[in-house]
């Protein structure tokens, strides 16, 4: 354990306190870096979505209090429901061929290396249009996974 003397100012008054640092970043001291392998990441419960699997690769259990990195697989012929929610998300296609359906119902082809930004409250749907698994990374704010 490292103890650090902190100088903080509130309303013109100066006070001091000792802070215990464990995996804490301050003045050049770093948090423990999290490195994970997808193969070692458990699958989340996706009851009711037989064609989709999800893994929470980095999230609150890893100390990430603001963002969550998820990995989705959509089986051939499968899709997510057409839905929306009150948070945005970023998507990067990793493997396979899919489509994302926008709020107007237009289908946009997706292939590995494509990126998608979905605004909060924007209806969308992901579908696998190929013969192999359609896989993508999806990053959401913490409130989007819970």
N, C-alpha and C. Protein backbone atom coordinates (compact mmCIF):
# COMPACT_ATOMS: atom_id res chain seq x y z
N UNK A 1 0.84 -1.17 0.00
CA UNK A 1 0.00 0.00 0.00
C UNK A 1 0.89 1.24 0.00
N UNK A 2 0.49 2.23 -0.77
CA UNK A 2 1.23 3.49 -0.85
C UNK A 2 0.38 4.56 -0.20
N UNK A 3 0.96 5.37 0.64
CA UNK A 3 0.24 6.49 1.24
C UNK A 3 0.74 7.77 0.59
N UNK A 4 -0.18 8.65 0.29
CA UNK A 4 0.16 9.89 -0.39
C UNK A 4 -0.47 11.06 0.35
N UNK A 5 0.31 12.10 0.57
CA UNK A 5 -0.17 13.32 1.20
C UNK A 5 -0.83 14.16 0.14
N UNK A 6 -2.12 14.49 0.33
CA UNK A 6 -2.85 15.28 -0.66
C UNK A 6 -3.17 16.65 -0.10
N UNK A 7 -3.01 17.66 -0.91
CA UNK A 7 -3.31 19.02 -0.54
C UNK A 7 -4.53 19.44 -1.35
N UNK A 8 -5.64 19.70 -0.67
CA UNK A 8 -6.85 20.11 -1.37
C UNK A 8 -7.34 21.42 -0.78
N UNK A 9 -7.98 22.23 -1.60
CA UNK A 9 -8.49 23.51 -1.14
C UNK A 9 -10.00 23.56 -1.34
N UNK A 10 -10.69 23.89 -0.27
CA UNK A 10 -12.14 24.06 -0.33
C UNK A 10 -12.50 25.40 0.28
N UNK A 11 -13.22 26.21 -0.45
CA UNK A 11 -13.71 27.50 0.04
C UNK A 11 -12.62 28.34 0.70
N UNK A 12 -11.42 28.33 0.18
CA UNK A 12 -10.35 29.13 0.70
C UNK A 12 -9.63 28.53 1.89
N UNK A 13 -10.13 27.41 2.42
CA UNK A 13 -9.48 26.75 3.55
C UNK A 13 -8.65 25.59 3.04
N UNK A 14 -7.52 25.39 3.62
CA UNK A 14 -6.63 24.31 3.20
C UNK A 14 -6.71 23.19 4.22
N UNK A 15 -6.84 21.98 3.74
CA UNK A 15 -6.79 20.85 4.66
C UNK A 15 -5.96 19.75 4.02
N UNK A 16 -5.50 18.82 4.83
CA UNK A 16 -4.65 17.73 4.36
C UNK A 16 -5.24 16.40 4.84
N UNK A 17 -5.05 15.39 4.04
CA UNK A 17 -5.46 14.07 4.47
C UNK A 17 -4.56 13.04 3.81
N UNK A 18 -4.47 11.91 4.44
CA UNK A 18 -3.72 10.79 3.89
C UNK A 18 -4.67 9.93 3.09
N UNK A 19 -4.27 9.55 1.91
CA UNK A 19 -5.09 8.68 1.07
C UNK A 19 -4.32 7.41 0.80
N UNK A 20 -4.98 6.27 0.98
CA UNK A 20 -4.37 5.00 0.63
C UNK A 20 -4.57 4.77 -0.86
N UNK A 21 -3.50 4.42 -1.53
CA UNK A 21 -3.58 4.20 -2.98
C UNK A 21 -3.39 2.73 -3.28
N UNK A 22 -4.39 2.13 -3.87
CA UNK A 22 -4.28 0.76 -4.35
C UNK A 22 -4.87 0.77 -5.75
N UNK A 23 -4.06 0.53 -6.73
CA UNK A 23 -4.50 0.57 -8.12
C UNK A 23 -5.16 1.92 -8.44
N UNK A 24 -4.54 3.00 -8.04
CA UNK A 24 -5.10 4.33 -8.19
C UNK A 24 -4.11 5.19 -8.96
N UNK A 25 -4.60 6.00 -9.88
CA UNK A 25 -3.72 6.83 -10.68
C UNK A 25 -3.68 8.24 -10.11
N UNK A 26 -2.52 8.67 -9.71
CA UNK A 26 -2.33 10.06 -9.29
C UNK A 26 -0.84 10.36 -9.30
N UNK A 27 -0.47 11.49 -9.80
CA UNK A 27 0.93 11.92 -9.84
C UNK A 27 1.86 10.83 -10.40
N UNK A 28 1.44 10.23 -11.52
CA UNK A 28 2.32 9.26 -12.17
C UNK A 28 2.16 7.84 -11.69
N UNK A 29 1.36 7.59 -10.67
CA UNK A 29 1.11 6.23 -10.22
C UNK A 29 -0.07 5.70 -11.02
N UNK A 30 0.01 4.50 -11.55
CA UNK A 30 -1.01 4.00 -12.47
C UNK A 30 -1.89 2.93 -11.86
N UNK A 31 -3.12 2.87 -12.38
CA UNK A 31 -4.02 1.77 -12.06
C UNK A 31 -3.46 0.51 -12.71
N UNK A 32 -3.90 -0.61 -12.22
CA UNK A 32 -3.52 -1.86 -12.86
C UNK A 32 -4.21 -1.96 -14.21
N UNK A 33 -3.46 -2.20 -15.25
CA UNK A 33 -4.01 -2.34 -16.58
C UNK A 33 -4.73 -3.68 -16.70
N UNK A 34 -5.87 -3.67 -17.34
CA UNK A 34 -6.66 -4.89 -17.56
C UNK A 34 -6.40 -5.38 -18.97
N UNK A 35 -5.95 -6.61 -19.08
CA UNK A 35 -5.74 -7.26 -20.38
C UNK A 35 -6.48 -8.58 -20.34
N UNK A 36 -7.38 -8.76 -21.28
CA UNK A 36 -8.20 -9.98 -21.29
C UNK A 36 -8.21 -10.58 -22.69
N UNK A 37 -8.48 -11.86 -22.73
CA UNK A 37 -8.66 -12.56 -23.99
C UNK A 37 -10.15 -12.87 -24.14
N UNK A 38 -10.67 -12.69 -25.34
CA UNK A 38 -12.07 -12.96 -25.59
C UNK A 38 -12.41 -14.40 -25.23
N UNK A 39 -11.51 -15.33 -25.54
CA UNK A 39 -11.75 -16.75 -25.26
C UNK A 39 -11.92 -17.04 -23.78
N UNK A 40 -11.39 -16.17 -22.92
CA UNK A 40 -11.50 -16.36 -21.47
C UNK A 40 -12.67 -15.59 -20.85
N UNK A 41 -13.44 -14.89 -21.68
CA UNK A 41 -14.54 -14.07 -21.20
C UNK A 41 -15.84 -14.88 -21.22
N UNK A 42 -16.54 -14.97 -20.08
CA UNK A 42 -17.77 -15.76 -20.05
C UNK A 42 -18.87 -15.13 -20.90
N UNK A 43 -19.83 -15.95 -21.27
CA UNK A 43 -20.98 -15.48 -22.05
C UNK A 43 -22.05 -14.95 -21.10
N UNK A 44 -22.69 -13.85 -21.51
CA UNK A 44 -23.78 -13.26 -20.73
C UNK A 44 -25.08 -14.01 -21.04
N UNK A 45 -26.02 -13.89 -20.14
CA UNK A 45 -27.33 -14.51 -20.34
C UNK A 45 -28.09 -13.78 -21.44
N UNK A 46 -28.43 -14.49 -22.49
CA UNK A 46 -29.19 -13.92 -23.60
C UNK A 46 -30.47 -14.72 -23.82
N UNK A 47 -31.11 -15.11 -22.75
CA UNK A 47 -32.35 -15.88 -22.82
C UNK A 47 -33.34 -15.18 -23.73
N UNK A 48 -33.90 -15.93 -24.66
CA UNK A 48 -34.87 -15.38 -25.59
C UNK A 48 -34.27 -14.93 -26.91
N UNK A 49 -32.95 -14.93 -26.99
CA UNK A 49 -32.26 -14.52 -28.23
C UNK A 49 -31.35 -15.66 -28.66
N UNK A 50 -31.96 -16.71 -29.20
CA UNK A 50 -31.23 -17.93 -29.52
C UNK A 50 -30.12 -17.76 -30.54
N UNK A 51 -30.22 -16.77 -31.42
CA UNK A 51 -29.22 -16.62 -32.48
C UNK A 51 -28.10 -15.64 -32.11
N UNK A 52 -28.13 -15.12 -30.87
CA UNK A 52 -27.15 -14.11 -30.47
C UNK A 52 -26.42 -14.53 -29.19
N UNK A 53 -25.10 -14.32 -29.19
CA UNK A 53 -24.33 -14.46 -27.95
C UNK A 53 -23.67 -13.13 -27.65
N UNK A 54 -23.45 -12.90 -26.36
CA UNK A 54 -22.83 -11.65 -25.92
C UNK A 54 -21.81 -11.96 -24.83
N UNK A 55 -20.68 -11.28 -24.92
CA UNK A 55 -19.67 -11.35 -23.87
C UNK A 55 -19.36 -9.92 -23.43
N UNK A 56 -19.30 -9.70 -22.13
CA UNK A 56 -18.89 -8.40 -21.61
C UNK A 56 -17.39 -8.48 -21.38
N UNK A 57 -16.65 -7.96 -22.33
CA UNK A 57 -15.19 -8.10 -22.33
C UNK A 57 -14.56 -7.21 -21.25
N UNK A 58 -14.95 -5.94 -21.23
CA UNK A 58 -14.47 -5.01 -20.21
C UNK A 58 -15.70 -4.27 -19.68
N UNK A 59 -15.84 -4.24 -18.36
CA UNK A 59 -16.99 -3.58 -17.76
C UNK A 59 -16.76 -3.27 -16.31
N UNK A 60 -17.83 -3.05 -15.58
CA UNK A 60 -17.72 -2.68 -14.16
C UNK A 60 -16.93 -3.68 -13.32
N UNK A 61 -17.04 -4.96 -13.61
CA UNK A 61 -16.27 -5.96 -12.85
C UNK A 61 -14.77 -5.81 -13.03
N UNK A 62 -14.38 -5.08 -14.07
CA UNK A 62 -12.96 -4.84 -14.35
C UNK A 62 -12.51 -3.46 -13.87
N UNK A 63 -13.42 -2.72 -13.27
CA UNK A 63 -13.09 -1.38 -12.80
C UNK A 63 -13.48 -0.28 -13.76
N UNK A 64 -14.14 -0.62 -14.86
CA UNK A 64 -14.56 0.38 -15.83
C UNK A 64 -15.94 0.90 -15.42
N UNK A 65 -15.95 2.04 -14.79
CA UNK A 65 -17.20 2.60 -14.29
C UNK A 65 -17.96 3.44 -15.28
N UNK A 66 -17.35 3.77 -16.41
CA UNK A 66 -18.01 4.67 -17.35
C UNK A 66 -18.39 4.02 -18.67
N UNK A 67 -17.58 3.07 -19.15
CA UNK A 67 -17.88 2.45 -20.44
C UNK A 67 -17.83 0.92 -20.32
N UNK A 68 -18.53 0.27 -21.25
CA UNK A 68 -18.56 -1.19 -21.29
C UNK A 68 -18.27 -1.61 -22.73
N UNK A 69 -17.33 -2.54 -22.88
CA UNK A 69 -17.00 -3.10 -24.19
C UNK A 69 -17.59 -4.50 -24.25
N UNK A 70 -18.46 -4.71 -25.24
CA UNK A 70 -19.16 -5.99 -25.40
C UNK A 70 -18.81 -6.59 -26.76
N UNK A 71 -18.93 -7.92 -26.84
CA UNK A 71 -18.67 -8.62 -28.09
C UNK A 71 -19.90 -9.46 -28.41
N UNK A 72 -20.47 -9.23 -29.60
CA UNK A 72 -21.67 -9.95 -30.02
C UNK A 72 -21.36 -10.88 -31.20
N UNK A 73 -22.05 -12.01 -31.21
CA UNK A 73 -22.05 -12.93 -32.35
C UNK A 73 -23.50 -13.16 -32.74
N UNK A 74 -23.78 -13.01 -34.04
CA UNK A 74 -25.11 -13.28 -34.56
C UNK A 74 -24.97 -14.45 -35.53
N UNK A 75 -25.69 -15.53 -35.27
CA UNK A 75 -25.61 -16.73 -36.10
C UNK A 75 -26.21 -16.46 -37.48
N UNK A 76 -25.81 -17.25 -38.49
CA UNK A 76 -26.40 -17.09 -39.82
C UNK A 76 -27.93 -17.11 -39.76
N UNK A 77 -28.54 -16.14 -40.42
CA UNK A 77 -29.99 -16.04 -40.42
C UNK A 77 -30.56 -15.34 -39.20
N UNK A 78 -29.72 -15.02 -38.21
CA UNK A 78 -30.19 -14.41 -36.98
C UNK A 78 -30.20 -12.90 -37.03
N UNK A 79 -30.86 -12.30 -36.04
CA UNK A 79 -30.88 -10.85 -35.93
C UNK A 79 -31.22 -10.43 -34.51
N UNK A 80 -30.89 -9.19 -34.23
CA UNK A 80 -31.35 -8.59 -32.98
C UNK A 80 -32.78 -8.10 -33.23
N UNK A 81 -33.54 -7.86 -32.18
CA UNK A 81 -34.86 -7.25 -32.42
C UNK A 81 -34.67 -5.81 -32.88
N UNK A 82 -35.67 -5.27 -33.56
CA UNK A 82 -35.65 -3.85 -33.92
C UNK A 82 -35.98 -3.12 -32.63
N UNK A 83 -35.04 -2.31 -32.13
CA UNK A 83 -35.19 -1.73 -30.80
C UNK A 83 -34.49 -0.39 -30.70
N UNK A 84 -34.67 0.27 -29.58
CA UNK A 84 -33.94 1.50 -29.27
C UNK A 84 -33.80 1.59 -27.76
N UNK A 85 -32.90 2.46 -27.31
CA UNK A 85 -32.66 2.66 -25.89
C UNK A 85 -32.09 4.06 -25.67
N UNK A 86 -32.00 4.45 -24.41
CA UNK A 86 -31.63 5.83 -24.10
C UNK A 86 -30.13 6.07 -23.99
N UNK A 87 -29.34 5.30 -24.71
CA UNK A 87 -27.90 5.50 -24.71
C UNK A 87 -27.35 5.23 -26.11
N UNK A 88 -26.27 5.91 -26.47
CA UNK A 88 -25.63 5.67 -27.77
C UNK A 88 -24.73 4.45 -27.71
N UNK A 89 -24.33 3.96 -28.86
CA UNK A 89 -23.27 2.98 -28.88
C UNK A 89 -22.45 3.03 -30.16
N UNK A 90 -21.23 2.54 -30.00
CA UNK A 90 -20.27 2.46 -31.09
C UNK A 90 -20.08 1.00 -31.44
N UNK A 91 -20.03 0.71 -32.73
CA UNK A 91 -19.91 -0.68 -33.19
C UNK A 91 -18.77 -0.77 -34.19
N UNK A 92 -18.00 -1.84 -34.08
CA UNK A 92 -16.98 -2.18 -35.08
C UNK A 92 -17.18 -3.62 -35.49
N UNK A 93 -17.37 -3.85 -36.79
CA UNK A 93 -17.58 -5.20 -37.30
C UNK A 93 -16.24 -5.92 -37.36
N UNK A 94 -16.21 -7.13 -36.80
CA UNK A 94 -15.00 -7.94 -36.74
C UNK A 94 -14.97 -9.03 -37.81
N UNK A 95 -16.03 -9.81 -37.93
CA UNK A 95 -16.08 -10.89 -38.93
C UNK A 95 -17.49 -11.04 -39.47
N UNK A 96 -17.58 -11.68 -40.63
CA UNK A 96 -18.88 -11.98 -41.23
C UNK A 96 -19.44 -10.81 -42.00
N UNK A 97 -20.66 -11.04 -42.49
CA UNK A 97 -21.37 -10.01 -43.25
C UNK A 97 -22.72 -9.80 -42.62
N UNK A 98 -23.05 -8.53 -42.39
CA UNK A 98 -24.33 -8.22 -41.77
C UNK A 98 -24.94 -6.98 -42.37
N UNK A 99 -26.05 -6.60 -41.79
CA UNK A 99 -26.69 -5.34 -42.14
C UNK A 99 -27.14 -4.68 -40.84
N UNK A 100 -27.21 -3.35 -40.88
CA UNK A 100 -27.85 -2.60 -39.81
C UNK A 100 -29.03 -1.89 -40.46
N UNK A 101 -30.17 -1.96 -39.80
CA UNK A 101 -31.37 -1.31 -40.30
C UNK A 101 -31.56 -0.01 -39.54
N UNK A 102 -31.68 1.09 -40.28
CA UNK A 102 -31.78 2.41 -39.65
C UNK A 102 -33.24 2.74 -39.30
N UNK A 103 -33.49 3.91 -38.71
CA UNK A 103 -34.85 4.26 -38.29
C UNK A 103 -35.88 4.31 -39.42
N UNK A 104 -35.43 4.56 -40.64
CA UNK A 104 -36.34 4.60 -41.78
C UNK A 104 -36.56 3.22 -42.39
N UNK A 105 -35.91 2.20 -41.84
CA UNK A 105 -36.07 0.84 -42.35
C UNK A 105 -35.09 0.49 -43.46
N UNK A 106 -34.17 1.40 -43.78
CA UNK A 106 -33.19 1.14 -44.83
C UNK A 106 -32.09 0.21 -44.31
N UNK A 107 -31.71 -0.74 -45.13
CA UNK A 107 -30.66 -1.70 -44.77
C UNK A 107 -29.31 -1.22 -45.28
N UNK A 108 -28.32 -1.26 -44.40
CA UNK A 108 -26.96 -0.84 -44.74
C UNK A 108 -26.03 -2.03 -44.56
N UNK A 109 -25.37 -2.47 -45.64
CA UNK A 109 -24.45 -3.63 -45.54
C UNK A 109 -23.27 -3.31 -44.63
N UNK A 110 -22.84 -4.31 -43.87
CA UNK A 110 -21.68 -4.18 -42.99
C UNK A 110 -20.72 -5.34 -43.23
N UNK A 111 -19.43 -5.00 -43.30
CA UNK A 111 -18.38 -6.01 -43.46
C UNK A 111 -17.27 -5.71 -42.45
N UNK A 112 -16.35 -6.65 -42.25
CA UNK A 112 -15.27 -6.40 -41.28
C UNK A 112 -14.54 -5.08 -41.55
N UNK A 113 -14.32 -4.37 -40.46
CA UNK A 113 -13.65 -3.07 -40.54
C UNK A 113 -14.60 -1.89 -40.58
N UNK A 114 -15.91 -2.15 -40.78
CA UNK A 114 -16.88 -1.06 -40.78
C UNK A 114 -17.18 -0.63 -39.35
N UNK A 115 -17.53 0.65 -39.20
CA UNK A 115 -17.89 1.24 -37.91
C UNK A 115 -19.29 1.82 -38.00
N UNK A 116 -20.02 1.78 -36.90
CA UNK A 116 -21.38 2.33 -36.84
C UNK A 116 -21.51 3.11 -35.54
N UNK A 117 -22.11 4.30 -35.63
CA UNK A 117 -22.48 5.05 -34.43
C UNK A 117 -23.99 5.12 -34.39
N UNK A 118 -24.59 4.67 -33.31
CA UNK A 118 -26.03 4.71 -33.14
C UNK A 118 -26.34 5.69 -32.01
N UNK A 119 -27.10 6.72 -32.34
CA UNK A 119 -27.47 7.73 -31.35
C UNK A 119 -28.42 7.15 -30.31
N UNK A 120 -28.51 7.78 -29.15
CA UNK A 120 -29.49 7.37 -28.17
C UNK A 120 -30.89 7.55 -28.75
N UNK A 121 -31.78 6.63 -28.39
CA UNK A 121 -33.18 6.61 -28.84
C UNK A 121 -33.35 6.46 -30.35
N UNK A 122 -32.35 5.94 -31.04
CA UNK A 122 -32.43 5.73 -32.48
C UNK A 122 -32.75 4.25 -32.76
N UNK A 123 -33.92 3.96 -33.34
CA UNK A 123 -34.26 2.56 -33.63
C UNK A 123 -33.24 1.92 -34.56
N UNK A 124 -32.92 0.65 -34.29
CA UNK A 124 -31.93 -0.06 -35.10
C UNK A 124 -32.09 -1.57 -34.93
N UNK A 125 -31.46 -2.29 -35.82
CA UNK A 125 -31.49 -3.75 -35.80
C UNK A 125 -30.26 -4.25 -36.55
N UNK A 126 -29.61 -5.27 -36.02
CA UNK A 126 -28.48 -5.91 -36.71
C UNK A 126 -28.92 -7.29 -37.18
N UNK A 127 -28.57 -7.61 -38.42
CA UNK A 127 -28.91 -8.92 -38.98
C UNK A 127 -27.68 -9.53 -39.64
N UNK A 128 -27.60 -10.85 -39.55
CA UNK A 128 -26.55 -11.59 -40.25
C UNK A 128 -27.09 -11.93 -41.63
N UNK A 129 -26.39 -11.51 -42.67
CA UNK A 129 -26.83 -11.81 -44.03
C UNK A 129 -25.90 -12.80 -44.73
N UNK A 130 -24.99 -13.38 -43.97
CA UNK A 130 -24.03 -14.30 -44.56
C UNK A 130 -24.21 -15.73 -44.08
N UNK A 131 -23.23 -16.58 -44.43
CA UNK A 131 -23.27 -18.00 -44.06
C UNK A 131 -22.36 -18.32 -42.89
N UNK A 132 -21.72 -17.31 -42.33
CA UNK A 132 -20.85 -17.51 -41.17
C UNK A 132 -21.29 -16.55 -40.07
N UNK A 133 -20.71 -16.69 -38.91
CA UNK A 133 -21.05 -15.84 -37.78
C UNK A 133 -20.75 -14.37 -38.11
N UNK A 134 -21.69 -13.50 -37.77
CA UNK A 134 -21.52 -12.05 -37.91
C UNK A 134 -21.16 -11.55 -36.52
N UNK A 135 -19.94 -10.97 -36.37
CA UNK A 135 -19.44 -10.62 -35.06
C UNK A 135 -19.02 -9.16 -35.02
N UNK A 136 -19.34 -8.50 -33.89
CA UNK A 136 -18.98 -7.10 -33.76
C UNK A 136 -18.72 -6.73 -32.31
N UNK A 137 -17.90 -5.70 -32.16
CA UNK A 137 -17.63 -5.08 -30.86
C UNK A 137 -18.65 -3.96 -30.70
N UNK A 138 -19.18 -3.82 -29.50
CA UNK A 138 -20.15 -2.77 -29.22
C UNK A 138 -19.74 -2.09 -27.91
N UNK A 139 -19.52 -0.79 -27.95
CA UNK A 139 -19.12 -0.03 -26.77
C UNK A 139 -20.29 0.88 -26.38
N UNK A 140 -20.68 0.79 -25.10
CA UNK A 140 -21.80 1.57 -24.59
C UNK A 140 -21.40 2.22 -23.27
N UNK A 141 -22.12 3.27 -22.85
CA UNK A 141 -21.87 3.80 -21.52
C UNK A 141 -22.33 2.79 -20.48
N UNK A 142 -21.87 2.93 -19.27
CA UNK A 142 -22.18 1.99 -18.20
C UNK A 142 -23.68 1.75 -18.05
N UNK A 143 -24.49 2.79 -18.17
CA UNK A 143 -25.94 2.63 -18.01
C UNK A 143 -26.55 1.73 -19.09
N UNK A 144 -25.80 1.49 -20.17
CA UNK A 144 -26.28 0.64 -21.24
C UNK A 144 -26.11 -0.84 -20.98
N UNK A 145 -25.46 -1.19 -19.91
CA UNK A 145 -25.26 -2.60 -19.60
C UNK A 145 -25.58 -2.81 -18.13
N UNK A 146 -26.81 -3.06 -17.84
CA UNK A 146 -27.13 -3.25 -16.43
C UNK A 146 -28.54 -3.37 -16.21
